Each structure stands twice: as structure tokens, then as C-alpha cells.
């Protein structure tokens, strides 16, 4: 549909974005809204979430939701249906980090429980209750934020990697089950990208330098990955442009996980 000469890729769609008050989620809220969607922000950061809703206007609202609590997720989906009459896109983006990098010997059961409870548990509950309303519609999109750690080892803690691999497995299984109802299920998997979750308390100059360093460690040069880049990938998977894409893990890493630069670097230092 064209509005004032501009094509909007999510015109008429209703989307829930969990973890939508900051980071990748907040970027997705802004981009989905710009592209015509009615957006429900779900988060536990009430002030941040409500501020975004107030800024963007009547087509965006905020609901407090702990994604690891099934009653909260049930209420989130039911409230969305009451308000908008349907749910087209469920973007399960909310997640946590357990700790800085460390050995399996230093990892506690509490670290594992937190990652699995929020990252995997939230994704599972979001998908379950989205499917509950999408199956009768015979259409819909369920989307997850996984991680580039599902494509190459050593990028995260063991607890985080375990939770994100499980999300990828869940997405593939759901794609198999829900395809018969016209529901597409996909993952977007970011490479190192600084968000409010992993850069809290850092000065903006430090964040900018860290972004550049992360990019230099990667393969694709001349670009810096920001939350908006992940949100744009999610937009593609949420839109009708990907109408025959399901079961995909879209890794946004500039080719990092498919390129091993070790030999080339070694050859460069050989006299």
C-alpha cells in the first residue's frame, strides 16, 4: 500500500515486540511503526517502554510483561487481540546475558537457569500464545532473536549459547508444525552488536569505539553493525516480502561465521 507516495511494508499489520523498550527491540518498534504496523511493546522496563509509546503515538502501546511468566504472556496476547482484533507478527526478542565470558568451570546453575528461563522460556511462551491466536487465522509470522553463536562457536558464554541454540531448534520445529496453517517461523541471529543490555554504563565514545573494534574483528569491512541493522533484517522476515521463507536462521554477521581468516593472516606475516 502507498501512503503519500511511500510504500509501507507492514501497513495494516499488528505486531508484538518483546524486549521492545531498548536495544534491538526498540529499534524494531520504531522501524515496524514507520512501516505502518500497529505495535505492542512488551517489556519489564516500564518507563522506557511507555516513553517510546508516548513518543510514537496511538498506534503504539506498552504493556508490562515478564516473558518468563506465562500469565503475563497470556495477558499480552489477549490484550492485543482485544485492542486490535488480530495478531500478525510475534517478535520474540526479549533476552538476557548471564555474565561476562568465562569457563564452564566458573558457570553456575543460576547462570544457566536465568538464560534458559528468559531467553528460551520467553521464546517458547511467546510462540505458544501467538500460535493460539494465529492458527484460527491461518496466517501469521513468529520471529525470534537468536544469535550468531548458533553458527560459530566461541562467541558467547555456554549458558547463553545453549539458550540460543534451543531457540533455533524451537523455531525449526515450529516451522514444521505451523506451516500447514500458513504461519511462518524464522530467526534473526545477530553478530556482536552493542545494545543497552551489554553496554549499560558505558560512555558513548566507548560504545562507538567498541562498535568499530567488533566490526574490524569481522569479515565485512566498511560497515558497522548497529541494532537498526538487526531490526531491518527482522522487518524483512516480518513482511510479505518473505512470504515463502520459513525455518530460516538469518545470520547477520557480515560473513563472519563462514570465513576462516587464519591462513590468510598467517601468509601475510610470512617473510
Protein backbone atom coordinates (compact mmCIF):
# COMPACT_ATOMS: atom_id res chain seq x y z
CA UNK A 1 0.00 0.00 0.00
CA UNK A 2 1.19 3.52 -0.74
CA UNK A 3 0.72 6.33 1.77
CA UNK A 4 1.67 9.80 0.49
CA UNK A 5 3.68 8.14 -2.25
CA UNK A 6 5.60 5.89 0.18
CA UNK A 7 5.23 2.13 0.27
CA UNK A 8 4.81 0.81 3.82
CA UNK A 9 5.87 -2.81 4.18
CA UNK A 10 3.78 -3.57 7.29
CA UNK A 11 0.70 -1.48 6.53
CA UNK A 12 -2.31 -2.91 8.36
CA UNK A 13 -0.25 -5.40 10.40
CA UNK A 14 -0.40 -5.84 14.18
CA UNK A 15 2.90 -6.72 15.85
CA UNK A 16 4.03 -7.60 19.36
CA UNK A 17 7.72 -6.99 20.09
CA UNK A 18 9.05 -8.37 23.36
CA UNK A 19 12.05 -6.64 24.85
CA UNK A 20 10.85 -3.63 22.89
CA UNK A 21 11.88 -0.93 25.35
CA UNK A 22 15.59 -0.90 24.46
CA UNK A 23 18.27 -2.19 22.10
CA UNK A 24 17.28 -4.26 19.09
CA UNK A 25 13.67 -4.36 20.29
CA UNK A 26 13.35 -0.59 20.48
CA UNK A 27 14.86 -0.24 17.01
CA UNK A 28 12.34 -2.78 15.72
CA UNK A 29 9.48 -0.87 17.36
CA UNK A 30 10.49 2.32 15.55
CA UNK A 31 11.06 0.63 12.18
CA UNK A 32 7.90 -1.50 12.31
CA UNK A 33 5.90 1.61 13.24
CA UNK A 34 7.48 3.60 10.41
CA UNK A 35 6.46 0.80 8.06
CA UNK A 36 2.79 1.02 9.04
CA UNK A 37 2.36 -1.56 11.81
CA UNK A 38 0.37 -1.16 14.99
CA UNK A 39 2.92 -2.17 17.62
CA UNK A 40 2.55 -3.51 21.15
CA UNK A 41 5.75 -3.09 23.17
CA UNK A 42 6.25 -5.78 25.81
CA UNK A 43 8.97 -5.34 28.42
CA UNK A 44 9.69 -5.00 32.14
CA UNK A 45 11.34 -1.58 31.68
CA UNK A 46 8.16 0.38 32.22
CA UNK A 47 9.50 3.93 31.98
CA UNK A 48 11.47 3.28 28.80
CA UNK A 49 8.66 1.34 27.15
CA UNK A 50 5.97 3.88 27.98
CA UNK A 51 8.19 6.75 26.81
CA UNK A 52 8.55 5.12 23.37
CA UNK A 53 4.79 4.55 23.18
CA UNK A 54 4.10 8.16 24.15
CA UNK A 55 6.55 9.43 21.55
CA UNK A 56 5.22 7.32 18.66
CA UNK A 57 1.52 7.89 19.31
CA UNK A 58 -1.75 5.97 19.27
CA UNK A 59 -0.60 3.11 17.03
CA UNK A 60 1.99 2.06 19.63
CA UNK A 61 1.21 0.95 23.18
CA UNK A 62 3.19 -0.50 26.05
CA UNK A 63 2.37 -3.47 28.27
CA UNK A 64 4.40 -4.70 31.22
CA UNK A 65 5.34 -8.32 30.52
CA UNK A 66 7.82 -10.69 32.10
CA UNK A 67 8.21 -13.17 29.25
CA UNK A 68 9.19 -15.96 31.63
CA UNK A 69 5.76 -15.67 33.30
CA UNK A 70 3.02 -17.43 31.34
CA UNK A 71 0.24 -15.35 32.89
CA UNK A 72 1.97 -12.18 31.66
CA UNK A 73 2.38 -13.59 28.14
CA UNK A 74 -1.23 -14.79 28.05
CA UNK A 75 -2.38 -11.31 29.07
CA UNK A 76 -0.10 -9.71 26.48
CA UNK A 77 -1.59 -11.68 23.61
CA UNK A 78 -5.19 -11.45 24.86
CA UNK A 79 -4.92 -7.68 25.35
CA UNK A 80 -3.52 -7.29 21.83
CA UNK A 81 -6.44 -9.25 20.38
CA UNK A 82 -8.94 -7.22 22.40
CA UNK A 83 -7.38 -3.95 21.25
CA UNK A 84 -6.66 -4.75 17.60
CA UNK A 85 -8.71 -7.84 16.78
CA UNK A 86 -5.79 -9.87 15.44
CA UNK A 87 -2.08 -10.61 15.71
CA UNK A 88 0.03 -10.75 12.55
CA UNK A 89 3.59 -10.69 13.92
CA UNK A 90 5.01 -12.03 17.17
CA UNK A 91 8.64 -10.95 17.50
CA UNK A 92 10.13 -12.83 20.47
CA UNK A 93 13.16 -10.63 21.03
CA UNK A 94 13.45 -10.32 24.83
CA UNK A 95 16.62 -11.80 26.26
CA UNK A 96 19.31 -11.61 28.92
CA UNK A 97 23.04 -12.18 29.22
CA UNK A 98 24.20 -14.25 32.15
CA UNK A 99 27.75 -12.96 32.72
CA UNK A 100 30.99 -11.97 31.01
CA UNK A 101 32.88 -14.68 29.13
CA UNK A 102 34.12 -17.48 31.35
CA UNK A 103 34.90 -21.15 31.62
CA UNK A 104 32.30 -23.86 32.11
CA UNK A 105 34.07 -24.38 35.44
CA UNK A 106 33.02 -20.89 36.55
CA UNK A 107 29.44 -21.16 35.31
CA UNK A 108 26.75 -21.63 37.93
CA UNK A 109 23.40 -23.36 37.71
CA UNK A 110 21.84 -19.94 38.33
CA UNK A 111 23.54 -18.60 35.18
CA UNK A 112 22.04 -21.43 33.14
CA UNK A 113 18.61 -21.12 34.74
CA UNK A 114 18.45 -17.38 34.02
CA UNK A 115 19.37 -17.71 30.34
CA UNK A 116 17.11 -20.66 29.75
CA UNK A 117 14.23 -19.19 31.76
CA UNK A 118 14.16 -15.85 29.96
CA UNK A 119 15.68 -16.49 26.55
CA UNK A 120 14.22 -19.90 25.81
CA UNK A 121 11.24 -19.82 28.17
CA UNK A 122 10.12 -16.42 26.91
CA UNK A 123 10.51 -17.51 23.29
CA UNK A 124 8.55 -20.71 23.93
CA UNK A 125 5.68 -18.96 25.73
CA UNK A 126 5.52 -16.16 23.17
CA UNK A 127 5.32 -18.67 20.33
CA UNK A 128 2.76 -20.82 22.14
CA UNK A 129 0.32 -17.98 22.74
CA UNK A 130 0.92 -16.40 19.35
CA UNK A 131 0.10 -19.74 17.73
CA UNK A 132 -3.04 -19.95 19.86
CA UNK A 133 -4.49 -16.95 18.03
CA UNK A 134 -2.73 -17.34 14.67
CA UNK A 135 -3.84 -20.92 13.95
CA UNK A 136 -7.54 -19.91 13.70
CA UNK A 137 -6.48 -17.00 11.44
CA UNK A 138 -4.49 -19.41 9.22
CA UNK A 139 -1.75 -16.82 8.88
CA UNK A 140 0.93 -15.05 10.87
CA UNK A 141 4.64 -14.62 11.50
CA UNK A 142 6.54 -15.83 14.56
CA UNK A 143 10.02 -14.41 14.75
CA UNK A 144 12.87 -14.94 17.23
CA UNK A 145 16.13 -13.16 18.00
CA UNK A 146 18.70 -15.93 18.24
CA UNK A 147 22.44 -15.27 17.88
CA UNK A 148 25.39 -15.72 15.55
CA UNK A 149 26.68 -18.11 18.23
CA UNK A 150 24.32 -20.65 16.61
CA UNK A 151 26.61 -20.63 13.55
CA UNK A 152 30.10 -20.43 15.05
CA UNK A 153 31.48 -21.46 18.42
CA UNK A 154 33.19 -19.30 20.99
CA UNK A 155 31.14 -16.11 20.65
CA UNK A 156 29.31 -16.30 23.98
CA UNK A 157 29.04 -17.96 27.34
CA UNK A 158 27.94 -21.58 27.44
CA UNK A 159 24.62 -20.75 29.10
CA UNK A 160 23.78 -18.10 26.51
CA UNK A 161 24.79 -20.37 23.63
CA UNK A 162 22.69 -23.22 24.99
CA UNK A 163 19.61 -20.98 25.22
CA UNK A 164 20.07 -19.58 21.72
CA UNK A 165 20.68 -22.96 20.11
CA UNK A 166 17.48 -24.14 21.78
CA UNK A 167 15.59 -21.19 20.29
CA UNK A 168 16.84 -22.15 16.84
CA UNK A 169 15.69 -25.73 17.36
CA UNK A 170 12.32 -24.50 18.59
CA UNK A 171 11.93 -22.28 15.52
CA UNK A 172 12.63 -25.13 13.13
CA UNK A 173 10.23 -27.44 14.93
CA UNK A 174 7.53 -24.78 14.92
CA UNK A 175 8.05 -24.10 11.22
CA UNK A 176 7.33 -27.77 10.62
CA UNK A 177 4.16 -27.82 12.70
CA UNK A 178 2.68 -24.44 11.84
CA UNK A 179 3.33 -24.33 8.10
CA UNK A 180 0.05 -26.13 7.50
CA UNK A 181 -1.72 -23.11 8.97
CA UNK A 182 0.11 -20.57 6.82
CA UNK A 183 2.26 -19.42 9.75
CA UNK A 184 5.91 -18.64 9.01
CA UNK A 185 8.57 -19.08 11.71
CA UNK A 186 12.10 -17.67 11.43
CA UNK A 187 15.11 -16.46 13.42
CA UNK A 188 17.33 -13.44 13.02
CA UNK A 189 20.78 -14.03 14.51
CA UNK A 190 22.98 -11.01 15.27
CA UNK A 191 26.75 -10.87 15.32
CA UNK A 192 28.31 -8.68 18.04
CA UNK A 193 26.12 -5.62 18.38
CA UNK A 194 26.11 -3.23 21.31
CA UNK A 195 22.74 -2.64 22.95
CA UNK A 196 21.53 -1.35 26.29
CA UNK A 197 21.84 -4.91 27.59
CA UNK A 198 25.59 -5.22 27.02
CA UNK A 199 26.76 -1.58 27.12
CA UNK A 200 24.99 -0.28 30.21
CA UNK A 201 27.03 2.40 31.98
CA UNK A 202 29.50 2.88 29.12
CA UNK A 203 30.20 6.36 27.75
CA UNK A 204 29.01 6.89 24.17
CA UNK A 205 32.62 7.30 22.96
CA UNK A 206 33.50 3.91 24.45
CA UNK A 207 30.45 2.35 22.79
CA UNK A 208 31.40 3.84 19.42
CA UNK A 209 34.97 2.53 19.73
CA UNK A 210 33.70 -0.92 20.73
CA UNK A 211 31.41 -0.99 17.68
CA UNK A 212 34.34 -0.23 15.39
CA UNK A 213 36.52 -2.89 17.05
CA UNK A 214 33.79 -5.52 16.72
CA UNK A 215 33.46 -4.67 13.04
CA UNK A 216 37.22 -4.92 12.46
CA UNK A 217 37.22 -8.38 14.02
CA UNK A 218 34.63 -9.43 11.47
CA UNK A 219 34.96 -10.14 7.77
CA UNK A 220 32.86 -7.46 6.08
CA UNK A 221 34.63 -4.12 6.31
CA UNK A 222 33.29 -0.62 5.74
CA UNK A 223 30.09 -1.22 7.71
CA UNK A 224 29.26 -1.00 11.42
CA UNK A 225 26.54 -3.27 12.77
CA UNK A 226 24.03 -1.43 14.95
CA UNK A 227 20.69 -2.52 16.44
CA UNK A 228 18.92 -0.91 13.47
CA UNK A 229 20.64 -3.38 11.14
CA UNK A 230 19.16 -6.32 13.03
CA UNK A 231 15.75 -4.62 13.14
CA UNK A 232 15.81 -4.19 9.36
CA UNK A 233 16.55 -7.90 8.94
CA UNK A 234 13.61 -8.64 11.24
CA UNK A 235 11.47 -6.30 9.13
CA UNK A 236 12.21 -8.38 6.04
CA UNK A 237 11.22 -11.61 7.81
CA UNK A 238 8.08 -9.99 9.23
CA UNK A 239 6.95 -8.53 5.91
CA UNK A 240 5.18 -10.13 2.96
CA UNK A 241 8.44 -9.81 1.01
CA UNK A 242 9.49 -13.06 2.72
CA UNK A 243 6.12 -14.72 2.16
CA UNK A 244 7.70 -18.09 1.27
CA UNK A 245 10.51 -18.01 3.83
CA UNK A 246 10.09 -20.27 6.86
CA UNK A 247 12.50 -22.21 9.06
CA UNK A 248 15.34 -19.79 8.23
CA UNK A 249 18.09 -18.67 10.60
CA UNK A 250 19.08 -15.32 9.07
CA UNK A 251 22.57 -14.72 10.43
CA UNK A 252 23.51 -11.03 10.29
CA UNK A 253 27.26 -11.23 10.76
CA UNK A 254 28.84 -9.86 7.61
CA UNK A 255 30.06 -13.32 6.64
CA UNK A 256 31.98 -13.84 9.90
CA UNK A 257 30.68 -17.36 10.51
CA UNK A 258 31.51 -18.63 7.01
CA UNK A 259 35.03 -17.20 6.69
CA UNK A 260 38.15 -18.51 8.44
CA UNK A 261 40.84 -15.84 8.01
CA UNK A 262 43.58 -17.78 9.83
CA UNK A 263 45.57 -18.91 6.79
CA UNK A 264 45.41 -15.55 5.03
CA UNK A 265 46.57 -13.77 8.17
CA UNK A 266 49.41 -16.24 8.57
CA UNK A 267 50.50 -15.81 4.96
CA UNK A 268 50.59 -12.03 5.38
CA UNK A 269 53.20 -12.26 8.16
CA UNK A 270 55.42 -14.78 6.37
CA UNK A 271 58.60 -13.02 5.15
